[in-house]
Amino acid sequence: MSESYLSADRLAQYSEPVESGMAPADYAAELHARYCRGASDEDRRELGQYFTPVKVARLMAELASDTTSEELRILEPGSGAAVLTAAVCEALPSTVKAIHIDAFELHSELAALCEETLRFTAAWLEERGTACTFTVHSKDFVLENASCLRAELFGARKGYDIAISNPPYFKLQKQDPRARAAAEIVHGQPNIYALFMAIMSGLLKENGTMVTITPRSFAAGDYFRRFRQALFSIVTPEAVHLFGSRREAFRADEVLQENVILSARRRSPRKQSVVKVSTSRGVDDLETRSMREVPLARVVDLHSRSVTLHIPRSTVDDDVLALVGSWPRTLHSLGLEVSTGPVVAFRSTEFLREERSADTVPLLWLQHVTSMNIEWPASTSKRQHIVSSSDSEALLLPNSTCVVMRRFSTKEEHRRLVAAALIGGVLPGEMIGLENHLNYIYRPRGVMSADEARGVASLLNSAVVDRYFRISNGNTQVSAAELRIMPLPSREQIENIGRSMGGKGMSMLDSIVDATLHVPANLSRELGRRSDAEGR
């Protein structure tokens, strides 16, 4: 290990010899463990460092190592201690006779550990008849390779047989050079992991494979749409593994995202292409993970504008995708729109009031909305009134019938969508305020009927729509863009649901929705069981 990377104090942490006879991935994990003993959690999180458990690395390596080539080029950006590359080298068939590895790691201490792992791995390979060379690049992977993201060049630079990464995870500011370099495929404040994935795909050889472990947030929604369009124009998914628990894939780092491993190959999709879909709760049950093969078109529709990545884990999920996909309408075709509440509290403090007065109207927060019910005022420390005046006019909405829903679900809510009908005139005043953590569905040219509003709210709260969202979305956040593209039943069916619901609560909701929409009895039972289990 090069002393130029490390201070004397930190170098002492690595002076104790590592056990001989270790496999390369275990060697990398031991170096990483020693690094963690001296690195602060704050420093690691600032750099987006969430390190890959060895069991996960070996699963990813298994997905990456299906090759018949005798010579390989391997890329690992954001390499850390290079546990992923080490695991790939363990898994490669004996027919591979020569390897070159390019690893990118900006952090000087981790770059030193990466170099030490790759030196160890090269010796391990050479003992088994495979020549190995490597280069550790202490450079920013995105800035060094972002030119391949330009439309005229994307996918043109072909060099690697295998690209594997657990990329860093943090948002970039709009003016960050990396965000600007990737402006053609992202917008706003992009998460850096998406940039890593896009560049990796563009650096693959024809028939090359990329394997990544990332948050699932890229799979759906408008925010990552351009990224998905770019990514899946170059590579075709071959395998997806979903960690069902938000905590257990990276338990040591307390990561609260739902994580997914994606394996994709640079080639055009074939007529009968399938995707291997597997799931586990976390790391400990990887060896007993459930596995199934699903037609590619059911996982991602490469011809759709949204290019949403669905992860159907069971035949129940297949049936839900088929059922919801058969619905003929969307919000737009029903003449409806969805928007986000206009009241951003910290920007509107001058208009917010604790007490009701002659010049105030109700202000609804996320805390006022539960499934099929709006309770205002409520027991909360939030200011529940907002001034209605010419100065606050842009923040207010007509007090007419609409559907109000939470943009975020909480751990206490066992369904992703939480919505309620707000019937015009139930709350006092001609106007109302909706805080920014709420979405609302309304009719821009006209007014929703009470039955229609109750029907839409019932549908959004239902087990079948909850399951549909879970298949495509691992977030607790529900964006307006996702709601706009979601299939919906006919207006007549929606109104029939609302009419049947009347003032009934959640206990009757699923039976009414399922009966009206002709959900098969066996699917209805399965959805009820799964919803109850997820609630627990």
Protein backbone atom coordinates (compact mmCIF):
# COMPACT_ATOMS: atom_id res chain seq x y z
CA MET A 1 0.00 0.00 0.00
CA SER A 2 1.38 3.40 -0.95
CA GLU A 3 2.24 5.50 2.13
CA SER A 4 1.71 8.68 0.13
CA TYR A 5 -2.05 8.18 0.46
CA LEU A 6 -2.15 7.84 4.25
CA SER A 7 -1.05 9.66 7.39
CA ALA A 8 1.12 7.71 9.81
CA ASP A 9 -1.76 7.37 12.28
CA ARG A 10 -4.13 5.96 9.67
CA LEU A 11 -1.43 3.73 8.15
CA ALA A 12 -0.98 2.09 11.55
CA GLN A 13 -4.56 0.85 11.36
CA TYR A 14 -3.59 -1.31 8.37
CA SER A 15 -0.22 -2.54 9.67
CA GLU A 16 -1.68 -5.69 11.20
CA PRO A 17 -1.35 -8.46 8.57
CA VAL A 18 -4.50 -9.73 6.89
CA GLU A 19 -5.12 -13.47 7.18
CA SER A 20 -3.46 -15.37 4.34
CA GLY A 21 -5.56 -17.61 2.13
CA MET A 22 -8.47 -15.17 2.00
CA ALA A 23 -10.58 -14.84 -1.13
CA PRO A 24 -10.24 -11.37 -2.75
CA ALA A 25 -13.71 -10.10 -1.74
CA ASP A 26 -13.11 -11.08 1.90
CA TYR A 27 -9.74 -9.34 1.77
CA ALA A 28 -11.40 -6.15 0.48
CA ALA A 29 -14.06 -6.39 3.18
CA GLU A 30 -11.41 -6.66 5.89
CA LEU A 31 -9.63 -3.55 4.60
CA HIS A 32 -12.96 -1.74 4.46
CA ALA A 33 -13.78 -2.75 8.05
CA ARG A 34 -10.47 -1.29 9.21
CA TYR A 35 -11.20 1.91 7.30
CA CYS A 36 -14.62 2.22 8.94
CA ARG A 37 -13.11 1.96 12.42
CA GLY A 38 -11.30 5.23 11.80
CA ALA A 39 -13.72 7.10 9.51
CA SER A 40 -16.56 9.18 10.91
CA ASP A 41 -20.13 8.45 9.84
CA GLU A 42 -20.49 12.13 8.97
CA ASP A 43 -17.56 12.04 6.54
CA ARG A 44 -18.81 8.86 4.89
CA ARG A 45 -22.34 10.18 4.44
CA GLU A 46 -21.06 13.48 3.08
CA LEU A 47 -19.35 11.51 0.32
CA GLY A 48 -22.35 9.24 -0.19
CA GLN A 49 -20.33 6.20 0.92
CA TYR A 50 -22.52 3.16 1.60
CA PHE A 51 -20.39 0.05 1.32
CA THR A 52 -21.45 -3.24 -0.20
CA PRO A 53 -21.74 -6.30 2.08
CA VAL A 54 -19.72 -9.26 0.75
CA LYS A 55 -22.84 -11.42 0.24
CA VAL A 56 -24.37 -8.68 -1.92
CA ALA A 57 -21.09 -8.22 -3.81
CA ARG A 58 -21.00 -11.92 -4.65
CA LEU A 59 -24.59 -11.89 -5.91
CA MET A 60 -23.77 -8.92 -8.14
CA ALA A 61 -20.59 -10.66 -9.33
CA GLU A 62 -22.62 -13.74 -10.24
CA LEU A 63 -24.81 -11.56 -12.47
CA ALA A 64 -21.77 -9.88 -14.06
CA SER A 65 -19.54 -12.88 -14.74
CA ASP A 66 -21.49 -14.70 -17.47
CA THR A 67 -18.89 -14.42 -20.23
CA THR A 68 -17.18 -16.57 -22.87
CA SER A 69 -14.37 -14.09 -23.57
CA GLU A 70 -10.76 -14.96 -22.82
CA GLU A 71 -9.78 -11.32 -22.30
CA LEU A 72 -11.82 -8.82 -20.30
CA ARG A 73 -11.86 -5.16 -19.39
CA ILE A 74 -13.60 -4.41 -16.09
CA LEU A 75 -14.74 -1.01 -14.80
CA GLU A 76 -15.65 -0.15 -11.22
CA PRO A 77 -16.49 3.53 -10.63
CA GLY A 78 -16.83 4.67 -7.02
CA SER A 79 -14.85 1.59 -6.10
CA GLY A 80 -14.14 2.11 -2.41
CA ALA A 81 -12.05 -0.88 -1.33
CA ALA A 82 -12.96 -2.66 -4.62
CA VAL A 83 -15.03 -5.43 -3.06
CA LEU A 84 -17.21 -5.65 -6.19
CA THR A 85 -14.32 -6.09 -8.62
CA ALA A 86 -12.71 -8.58 -6.24
CA ALA A 87 -15.94 -10.58 -6.16
CA VAL A 88 -16.20 -10.50 -9.97
CA CYS A 89 -12.67 -11.85 -10.29
CA GLU A 90 -13.56 -14.70 -7.93
CA ALA A 91 -16.62 -15.59 -10.02
CA LEU A 92 -15.09 -15.51 -13.52
CA PRO A 93 -14.75 -18.82 -15.35
CA SER A 94 -11.29 -20.36 -15.70
CA THR A 95 -11.43 -19.73 -19.46
CA VAL A 96 -10.65 -16.04 -18.81
CA LYS A 97 -6.89 -15.63 -19.31
CA ALA A 98 -6.31 -11.86 -19.14
CA ILE A 99 -8.03 -9.00 -17.30
CA HIS A 100 -7.51 -5.26 -17.13
CA ILE A 101 -9.31 -3.33 -14.39
CA ASP A 102 -10.03 0.40 -14.24
CA ALA A 103 -11.18 1.57 -10.81
CA PHE A 104 -12.22 5.15 -10.02
CA GLU A 105 -12.00 6.39 -6.42
CA LEU A 106 -11.64 10.05 -5.42
CA HIS A 107 -11.12 9.53 -1.68
CA SER A 108 -7.35 9.20 -1.18
CA GLU A 109 -7.49 6.68 1.63
CA LEU A 110 -10.01 4.49 -0.15
CA ALA A 111 -7.95 4.74 -3.34
CA ALA A 112 -5.04 3.27 -1.37
CA LEU A 113 -7.22 0.42 -0.12
CA CYS A 114 -8.53 -0.15 -3.64
CA GLU A 115 -4.96 -0.42 -4.93
CA GLU A 116 -4.08 -2.89 -2.17
CA THR A 117 -7.17 -5.04 -2.91
CA LEU A 118 -6.42 -5.10 -6.63
CA ARG A 119 -2.77 -6.00 -5.98
CA PHE A 120 -3.93 -8.89 -3.82
CA THR A 121 -6.56 -9.90 -6.42
CA ALA A 122 -4.02 -9.82 -9.26
CA ALA A 123 -1.73 -12.17 -7.35
CA TRP A 124 -4.69 -14.46 -6.56
CA LEU A 125 -5.64 -14.58 -10.24
CA GLU A 126 -2.09 -15.19 -11.44
CA GLU A 127 -1.86 -18.23 -9.15
CA ARG A 128 -4.85 -19.54 -11.11
CA GLY A 129 -3.45 -18.83 -14.55
CA THR A 130 -5.07 -15.44 -15.29
CA ALA A 131 -2.96 -12.35 -15.98
CA CYS A 132 -4.29 -9.17 -14.37
CA THR A 133 -3.35 -5.52 -14.72
CA PHE A 134 -5.11 -2.59 -13.10
CA THR A 135 -5.19 1.19 -12.79
CA VAL A 136 -6.67 3.12 -9.88
CA HIS A 137 -7.86 6.53 -11.10
CA SER A 138 -8.02 9.17 -8.37
CA LYS A 139 -10.29 11.27 -10.56
CA ASP A 140 -13.94 12.25 -10.68
CA PHE A 141 -15.61 9.49 -12.71
CA VAL A 142 -18.45 11.68 -13.95
CA LEU A 143 -16.32 14.61 -15.12
CA GLU A 144 -13.76 12.31 -16.72
CA ASN A 145 -16.37 10.48 -18.78
CA ALA A 146 -19.38 12.81 -19.06
CA SER A 147 -18.70 13.57 -22.71
CA CYS A 148 -20.29 10.22 -23.60
CA LEU A 149 -23.63 11.58 -22.33
CA ARG A 150 -23.94 14.05 -25.19
CA ALA A 151 -26.71 12.95 -27.52
CA GLU A 152 -24.43 12.54 -30.53
CA LEU A 153 -21.92 10.46 -28.54
CA PHE A 154 -24.10 8.57 -26.06
CA GLY A 155 -23.35 4.89 -26.40
CA ALA A 156 -20.54 5.50 -28.90
CA ARG A 157 -17.59 4.87 -26.56
CA LYS A 158 -17.40 1.11 -26.24
CA GLY A 159 -14.68 -0.32 -24.08
CA TYR A 160 -15.70 -2.50 -21.13
CA ASP A 161 -16.99 -6.05 -20.94
CA ILE A 162 -18.13 -5.60 -17.34
CA ALA A 163 -19.05 -2.43 -15.44
CA ILE A 164 -20.05 -2.90 -11.81
CA SER A 165 -20.74 -0.33 -9.11
CA ASN A 166 -22.35 0.64 -5.85
CA PRO A 167 -22.27 4.34 -6.80
CA PRO A 168 -22.36 7.19 -4.31
CA TYR A 169 -25.79 8.48 -3.36
CA PHE A 170 -26.40 12.20 -2.91
CA LYS A 171 -28.10 15.06 -4.72
CA LEU A 172 -26.12 17.51 -6.79
CA GLN A 173 -26.82 21.22 -6.89
CA LYS A 174 -28.02 22.51 -10.25
CA GLN A 175 -24.79 24.41 -10.83
CA ASP A 176 -22.51 21.51 -9.90
CA PRO A 177 -20.23 20.81 -12.90
CA ARG A 178 -21.35 17.17 -12.86
CA ALA A 179 -25.03 18.11 -13.04
CA ARG A 180 -24.32 20.54 -15.87
CA ALA A 181 -22.32 17.91 -17.74
CA ALA A 182 -25.31 15.54 -17.57
CA ALA A 183 -27.95 18.15 -18.43
CA GLU A 184 -29.16 16.17 -21.46
CA ILE A 185 -30.40 13.25 -19.34
CA VAL A 186 -31.35 14.81 -15.99
CA HIS A 187 -32.91 17.99 -14.65
CA GLY A 188 -33.26 19.84 -11.37
CA GLN A 189 -31.00 18.49 -8.64
CA PRO A 190 -30.07 15.04 -9.94
CA ASN A 191 -28.83 12.24 -7.74
CA ILE A 192 -25.28 11.35 -8.65
CA TYR A 193 -25.96 7.62 -8.77
CA ALA A 194 -28.04 8.09 -11.95
CA LEU A 195 -25.10 9.81 -13.65
CA PHE A 196 -22.87 6.86 -12.77
CA MET A 197 -25.36 4.41 -14.24
CA ALA A 198 -25.82 6.35 -17.48
CA ILE A 199 -22.09 6.75 -18.06
CA MET A 200 -21.44 3.09 -17.28
CA SER A 201 -23.93 2.05 -19.95
CA GLY A 202 -22.26 4.34 -22.47
CA LEU A 203 -18.83 2.83 -21.78
CA LEU A 204 -19.83 -0.79 -22.39
CA LYS A 205 -18.78 -2.89 -25.35
CA GLU A 206 -21.49 -4.49 -27.44
CA ASN A 207 -22.82 -7.40 -25.34
CA GLY A 208 -21.10 -5.98 -22.26
CA THR A 209 -22.85 -6.15 -18.89
CA MET A 210 -23.39 -3.54 -16.19
CA VAL A 211 -24.50 -4.38 -12.66
CA THR A 212 -25.42 -1.72 -10.09
CA ILE A 213 -26.95 -1.53 -6.67
CA THR A 214 -28.82 1.72 -6.08
CA PRO A 215 -31.94 3.15 -4.50
CA ARG A 216 -35.07 2.17 -6.40
CA SER A 217 -36.12 5.79 -6.89
CA PHE A 218 -34.95 5.87 -10.53
CA ALA A 219 -37.48 3.20 -11.55
CA ALA A 220 -40.54 5.46 -11.82
CA GLY A 221 -41.67 9.06 -11.97
CA ASP A 222 -40.97 12.08 -14.12
CA TYR A 223 -37.83 13.16 -12.27
CA PHE A 224 -35.77 10.24 -13.68
CA ARG A 225 -37.72 9.82 -16.94
CA ARG A 226 -35.06 11.23 -19.27
CA PHE A 227 -32.45 9.14 -17.50
CA ARG A 228 -34.48 5.94 -17.99
CA GLN A 229 -35.05 6.79 -21.66
CA ALA A 230 -31.31 7.24 -22.16
CA LEU A 231 -30.29 4.19 -20.11
CA PHE A 232 -32.68 1.74 -21.72
CA SER A 233 -31.89 2.99 -25.21
CA ILE A 234 -28.42 1.47 -24.67
CA VAL A 235 -28.91 -1.52 -22.36
CA THR A 236 -31.61 -4.14 -21.88
CA PRO A 237 -32.44 -5.39 -18.36
CA GLU A 238 -31.61 -9.05 -17.74
CA ALA A 239 -31.98 -9.41 -13.97
CA VAL A 240 -33.43 -7.39 -11.10
CA HIS A 241 -33.10 -8.13 -7.40
CA LEU A 242 -35.23 -6.19 -4.93
CA PHE A 243 -34.45 -5.91 -1.23
CA GLY A 244 -37.88 -5.83 0.38
CA SER A 245 -36.71 -4.21 3.61
CA ARG A 246 -35.67 -0.57 3.62
CA ARG A 247 -33.07 -1.27 6.30
CA GLU A 248 -31.53 -4.66 5.76
CA ALA A 249 -29.53 -4.37 2.53
CA PHE A 250 -27.17 -1.82 4.11
CA ARG A 251 -28.02 -2.43 7.76
CA ALA A 252 -24.64 -1.28 9.08
CA ASP A 253 -25.04 2.09 7.37
CA GLU A 254 -28.70 2.58 8.36
CA VAL A 255 -29.79 3.20 4.77
CA LEU A 256 -33.55 3.76 4.65
CA GLN A 257 -34.01 3.50 0.89
CA GLU A 258 -35.53 0.50 -0.87
CA ASN A 259 -32.58 -0.88 -2.83
CA VAL A 260 -32.42 -2.72 -6.13
CA ILE A 261 -29.71 -4.57 -8.05
CA LEU A 262 -30.01 -4.10 -11.81
CA SER A 263 -28.12 -6.24 -14.31
CA ALA A 264 -28.39 -5.04 -17.91
CA ARG A 265 -26.61 -5.92 -21.14
CA ARG A 266 -25.68 -3.72 -24.07
CA ARG A 267 -27.71 -5.27 -26.84
CA SER A 268 -31.08 -4.85 -28.48
CA PRO A 269 -33.99 -6.63 -26.80
CA ARG A 270 -34.87 -9.98 -28.30
CA LYS A 271 -38.37 -11.10 -29.20
CA GLN A 272 -38.67 -13.51 -26.29
CA SER A 273 -36.49 -11.58 -23.83
CA VAL A 274 -37.10 -12.35 -20.17
CA VAL A 275 -35.87 -10.73 -16.97
CA LYS A 276 -34.88 -12.77 -13.92
CA VAL A 277 -36.64 -11.15 -10.97
CA SER A 278 -35.59 -12.10 -7.45
CA THR A 279 -36.39 -10.73 -4.02
CA SER A 280 -35.11 -11.04 -0.48
CA ARG A 281 -35.84 -9.19 2.69
CA GLY A 282 -32.19 -8.28 3.16
CA VAL A 283 -28.72 -9.81 3.12
CA ASP A 284 -29.22 -12.75 5.47
CA ASP A 285 -31.84 -14.46 3.30
CA LEU A 286 -30.09 -13.95 -0.07
CA GLU A 287 -29.38 -17.67 -0.44
CA THR A 288 -33.08 -18.49 -0.15
CA ARG A 289 -34.28 -15.57 -2.27
CA SER A 290 -37.37 -16.05 -4.40
CA MET A 291 -36.68 -16.15 -8.14
CA ARG A 292 -38.83 -16.07 -11.25
CA GLU A 293 -38.58 -15.21 -14.94
CA VAL A 294 -40.81 -12.45 -16.31
CA PRO A 295 -41.23 -11.27 -19.93
CA LEU A 296 -39.23 -8.10 -20.53
CA ALA A 297 -42.33 -6.18 -21.68
CA ARG A 298 -43.91 -6.74 -18.27
CA VAL A 299 -40.85 -5.31 -16.50
CA VAL A 300 -40.25 -2.29 -18.73
CA ASP A 301 -42.16 -1.06 -21.76
CA LEU A 302 -39.30 0.25 -23.89
CA HIS A 303 -41.73 1.92 -26.28
CA SER A 304 -43.60 3.98 -23.67
CA ARG A 305 -42.76 7.59 -22.87
CA SER A 306 -42.37 6.92 -19.16
CA VAL A 307 -40.19 3.76 -19.50
CA THR A 308 -41.17 2.79 -15.94
CA LEU A 309 -39.29 -0.17 -14.46
CA HIS A 310 -41.82 -2.53 -12.84
CA ILE A 311 -40.69 -5.27 -10.47
CA PRO A 312 -43.46 -7.90 -10.39
CA ARG A 313 -42.47 -10.26 -7.58
CA SER A 314 -45.30 -12.77 -7.96
CA THR A 315 -48.19 -13.90 -10.12
CA VAL A 316 -50.36 -11.57 -8.03
CA ASP A 317 -48.25 -8.67 -9.26
CA ASP A 318 -48.61 -9.96 -12.83
CA ASP A 319 -52.38 -9.99 -12.45
CA VAL A 320 -52.42 -6.46 -11.00
CA LEU A 321 -50.31 -5.10 -13.86
CA ALA A 322 -52.66 -6.74 -16.38
CA LEU A 323 -55.79 -5.47 -14.60
CA VAL A 324 -54.66 -1.87 -14.12
CA GLY A 325 -53.13 -1.84 -17.60
CA SER A 326 -56.57 -2.67 -19.03
CA TRP A 327 -58.20 0.42 -17.55
CA PRO A 328 -58.99 2.83 -20.39
CA ARG A 329 -58.61 6.26 -18.82
CA THR A 330 -56.09 8.63 -17.23
CA LEU A 331 -56.66 11.81 -15.26
CA HIS A 332 -56.21 13.82 -18.46
CA SER A 333 -58.74 11.81 -20.47
CA LEU A 334 -61.21 12.18 -17.59
CA GLY A 335 -60.78 15.97 -17.71
CA LEU A 336 -58.97 15.98 -14.36
CA GLU A 337 -55.66 17.42 -13.25
CA VAL A 338 -53.38 16.94 -10.27
CA SER A 339 -51.30 19.69 -8.68
CA THR A 340 -49.29 20.25 -5.54
CA GLY A 341 -50.53 22.42 -2.70
CA PRO A 342 -49.27 25.98 -3.27
CA VAL A 343 -48.61 26.96 0.36
CA VAL A 344 -44.91 26.56 1.18
CA ALA A 345 -44.97 27.25 4.91
CA PHE A 346 -41.57 28.89 5.41
CA ARG A 347 -42.24 31.27 2.50
CA SER A 348 -45.77 32.14 3.69
CA THR A 349 -45.33 32.73 7.42
CA GLU A 350 -46.78 36.24 7.22
CA PHE A 351 -50.16 34.76 6.23
CA LEU A 352 -50.34 31.81 8.64
CA ARG A 353 -52.43 32.11 11.80
CA GLU A 354 -53.03 29.93 14.85
CA GLU A 355 -56.52 31.26 15.50
CA ARG A 356 -59.48 31.72 13.22
CA SER A 357 -60.52 35.29 12.41
CA ALA A 358 -62.76 37.11 9.96
CA ASP A 359 -60.05 37.30 7.32
CA THR A 360 -58.79 33.69 7.51
CA VAL A 361 -59.76 30.44 5.78
CA PRO A 362 -58.82 26.81 6.57
CA LEU A 363 -55.29 25.65 5.84
CA LEU A 364 -54.88 21.90 5.38
CA TRP A 365 -51.64 20.11 6.18
CA LEU A 366 -50.61 16.51 5.69
CA GLN A 367 -51.73 15.86 9.29
CA HIS A 368 -55.35 16.66 8.42
CA VAL A 369 -55.64 13.91 5.78
CA THR A 370 -56.13 10.23 6.52
CA SER A 371 -57.56 7.49 4.32
CA MET A 372 -61.05 8.64 3.21
CA ASN A 373 -61.24 11.32 5.90
CA ILE A 374 -60.33 14.98 6.37
CA GLU A 375 -60.35 16.26 9.93
CA TRP A 376 -60.02 20.02 10.30
CA PRO A 377 -59.20 21.53 12.67
CA ALA A 378 -57.08 18.80 14.24
CA SER A 379 -54.87 18.40 17.27
CA THR A 380 -51.60 19.67 15.84
CA SER A 381 -49.03 22.38 16.48
CA LYS A 382 -49.35 23.53 12.87
CA ARG A 383 -51.01 26.87 12.13
CA GLN A 384 -54.34 25.77 10.64
CA HIS A 385 -55.58 29.11 9.26
CA ILE A 386 -54.34 31.30 6.43
CA VAL A 387 -55.22 34.91 5.64
CA SER A 388 -57.44 35.39 2.59
CA SER A 389 -56.49 38.69 0.98
CA SER A 390 -55.32 40.13 -2.30
CA ASP A 391 -51.72 39.56 -1.15
CA SER A 392 -52.27 35.84 -0.44
CA GLU A 393 -54.58 35.20 -3.39
CA ALA A 394 -52.00 33.17 -5.32
CA LEU A 395 -51.72 30.72 -2.41
CA LEU A 396 -55.44 29.93 -2.15
CA LEU A 397 -57.77 27.57 -3.98
CA PRO A 398 -61.56 27.60 -4.43
CA ASN A 399 -63.38 25.69 -1.70
CA SER A 400 -64.90 23.27 -4.22
CA THR A 401 -65.01 19.49 -4.43
CA CYS A 402 -61.65 17.81 -5.05
CA VAL A 403 -59.52 14.91 -3.84
CA VAL A 404 -56.74 15.72 -1.39
CA MET A 405 -53.89 13.28 -0.86
CA ARG A 406 -50.62 13.09 0.97
CA ARG A 407 -47.47 13.39 -1.10
CA PHE A 408 -45.69 11.21 1.46
CA SER A 409 -46.90 8.19 3.38
CA THR A 410 -45.58 7.56 6.88
CA LYS A 411 -44.43 4.33 8.47
CA GLU A 412 -47.74 4.18 10.34
CA GLU A 413 -49.68 4.03 7.05
CA HIS A 414 -49.67 0.56 5.51
CA ARG A 415 -50.75 1.83 2.08
CA ARG A 416 -48.66 4.08 -0.14
CA LEU A 417 -51.50 6.36 -1.20
CA VAL A 418 -53.52 8.24 1.41
CA ALA A 419 -56.40 10.24 -0.07
CA ALA A 420 -59.76 11.73 0.90
CA ALA A 421 -62.57 13.57 -0.87
CA LEU A 422 -62.96 17.20 0.15
CA ILE A 423 -66.58 18.07 -0.59
CA GLY A 424 -67.12 21.74 -1.46
CA GLY A 425 -68.65 23.78 1.38
CA VAL A 426 -67.88 21.31 4.18
CA LEU A 427 -65.09 23.60 5.36
CA PRO A 428 -65.92 27.27 6.03
CA GLY A 429 -65.17 30.05 3.58
CA GLU A 430 -65.02 30.47 -0.17
CA MET A 431 -61.32 29.62 -0.40
CA ILE A 432 -58.93 27.17 1.27
CA GLY A 433 -55.18 26.73 1.59
CA LEU A 434 -53.31 23.46 0.88
CA GLU A 435 -49.81 23.04 2.21
CA ASN A 436 -47.07 21.85 -0.13
CA HIS A 437 -46.91 18.29 1.24
CA LEU A 438 -50.37 17.65 -0.23
CA ASN A 439 -51.46 16.95 -3.80
CA TYR A 440 -54.97 17.62 -5.00
CA ILE A 441 -56.99 16.28 -7.93
CA TYR A 442 -59.56 18.62 -9.45
CA ARG A 443 -61.46 19.47 -12.63
CA PRO A 444 -59.87 22.59 -14.19
CA ARG A 445 -62.89 23.33 -16.35
CA GLY A 446 -65.81 22.54 -14.12
CA VAL A 447 -66.33 20.92 -10.73
CA MET A 448 -65.99 17.30 -9.64
CA SER A 449 -69.18 15.71 -8.39
CA ALA A 450 -69.19 14.32 -4.85
CA ASP A 451 -69.54 10.77 -6.21
CA GLU A 452 -66.61 11.27 -8.56
CA ALA A 453 -64.39 12.66 -5.80
CA ARG A 454 -65.29 9.83 -3.41
CA GLY A 455 -64.73 7.33 -6.22
CA VAL A 456 -61.26 8.64 -7.08
CA ALA A 457 -60.30 8.77 -3.40
CA SER A 458 -61.57 5.21 -2.86
CA LEU A 459 -59.61 3.96 -5.85
CA LEU A 460 -56.39 5.61 -4.65
CA ASN A 461 -56.81 4.08 -1.18
CA SER A 462 -57.59 0.61 -2.54
CA ALA A 463 -55.46 -2.51 -2.21
CA VAL A 464 -55.23 -2.97 -5.98
CA VAL A 465 -53.80 0.52 -6.61
CA ASP A 466 -51.53 0.20 -3.57
CA ARG A 467 -50.10 -3.00 -5.07
CA TYR A 468 -49.72 -1.34 -8.49
CA PHE A 469 -47.65 1.46 -6.98
CA ARG A 470 -45.47 -0.96 -5.01
CA ILE A 471 -44.63 -2.85 -8.20
CA SER A 472 -43.19 0.28 -9.81
CA ASN A 473 -42.30 2.61 -6.97
CA GLY A 474 -40.12 2.02 -3.93
CA ASN A 475 -40.62 5.49 -2.52
CA THR A 476 -42.91 6.73 0.18
CA GLN A 477 -43.33 9.82 -2.01
CA VAL A 478 -46.03 9.93 -4.69
CA SER A 479 -45.44 12.48 -7.42
CA ALA A 480 -48.06 14.27 -9.45
CA ALA A 481 -46.32 13.03 -12.60
CA GLU A 482 -46.89 9.39 -11.60
CA LEU A 483 -50.56 10.06 -10.94
CA ARG A 484 -50.96 11.66 -14.37
CA ILE A 485 -49.80 8.54 -16.23
CA MET A 486 -51.56 5.95 -14.04
CA PRO A 487 -54.38 4.08 -15.84
CA LEU A 488 -57.85 4.68 -14.40
CA PRO A 489 -61.29 3.09 -14.93
CA SER A 490 -64.11 4.85 -16.74
CA ARG A 491 -65.83 7.85 -15.18
CA GLU A 492 -69.01 5.80 -14.81
CA GLN A 493 -67.18 3.12 -12.79
CA ILE A 494 -65.48 5.75 -10.64
CA GLU A 495 -68.79 7.45 -9.87
CA ASN A 496 -70.39 4.08 -9.09
CA ILE A 497 -67.62 3.40 -6.57
CA GLY A 498 -68.17 6.82 -4.98
CA ARG A 499 -71.94 6.34 -4.88
CA SER A 500 -71.59 2.92 -3.23
CA MET A 501 -69.08 4.23 -0.71
CA GLY A 502 -71.24 7.15 0.42
CA GLY A 503 -70.10 7.77 3.97
CA LYS A 504 -68.67 4.26 4.45
CA GLY A 505 -65.14 3.91 5.79
CA MET A 506 -62.06 1.87 4.90
CA SER A 507 -63.56 -1.42 6.14
CA MET A 508 -65.88 -1.58 3.11
CA LEU A 509 -63.63 0.11 0.56
CA ASP A 510 -61.82 -2.83 -1.02
CA SER A 511 -64.94 -4.95 -1.40
CA ILE A 512 -66.77 -2.08 -3.13
CA VAL A 513 -63.83 -1.22 -5.43
CA ASP A 514 -63.20 -4.87 -6.34
CA ALA A 515 -66.88 -5.59 -7.04
CA THR A 516 -67.33 -2.50 -9.22
CA LEU A 517 -64.16 -3.14 -11.22
CA HIS A 518 -64.74 -6.90 -11.50
CA VAL A 519 -61.51 -7.83 -9.74
CA PRO A 520 -61.35 -11.66 -9.74
CA ALA A 521 -62.20 -13.13 -6.34
CA ASN A 522 -58.88 -14.97 -5.96
CA LEU A 523 -56.92 -11.79 -6.73
CA SER A 524 -59.07 -9.80 -4.31
CA ARG A 525 -58.35 -12.32 -1.53
CA GLU A 526 -54.61 -12.30 -2.24
CA LEU A 527 -54.49 -8.50 -2.25
CA GLY A 528 -56.28 -8.39 1.08
CA ARG A 529 -53.85 -10.85 2.64
CA ARG A 530 -50.78 -9.04 1.33
CA SER A 531 -52.10 -5.65 2.38
CA ASP A 532 -52.73 -6.92 5.91
CA ALA A 533 -49.22 -8.40 6.07
CA GLU A 534 -47.59 -5.17 4.89
CA GLY A 535 -49.62 -3.25 7.45
CA ARG A 536 -48.13 -5.36 10.21
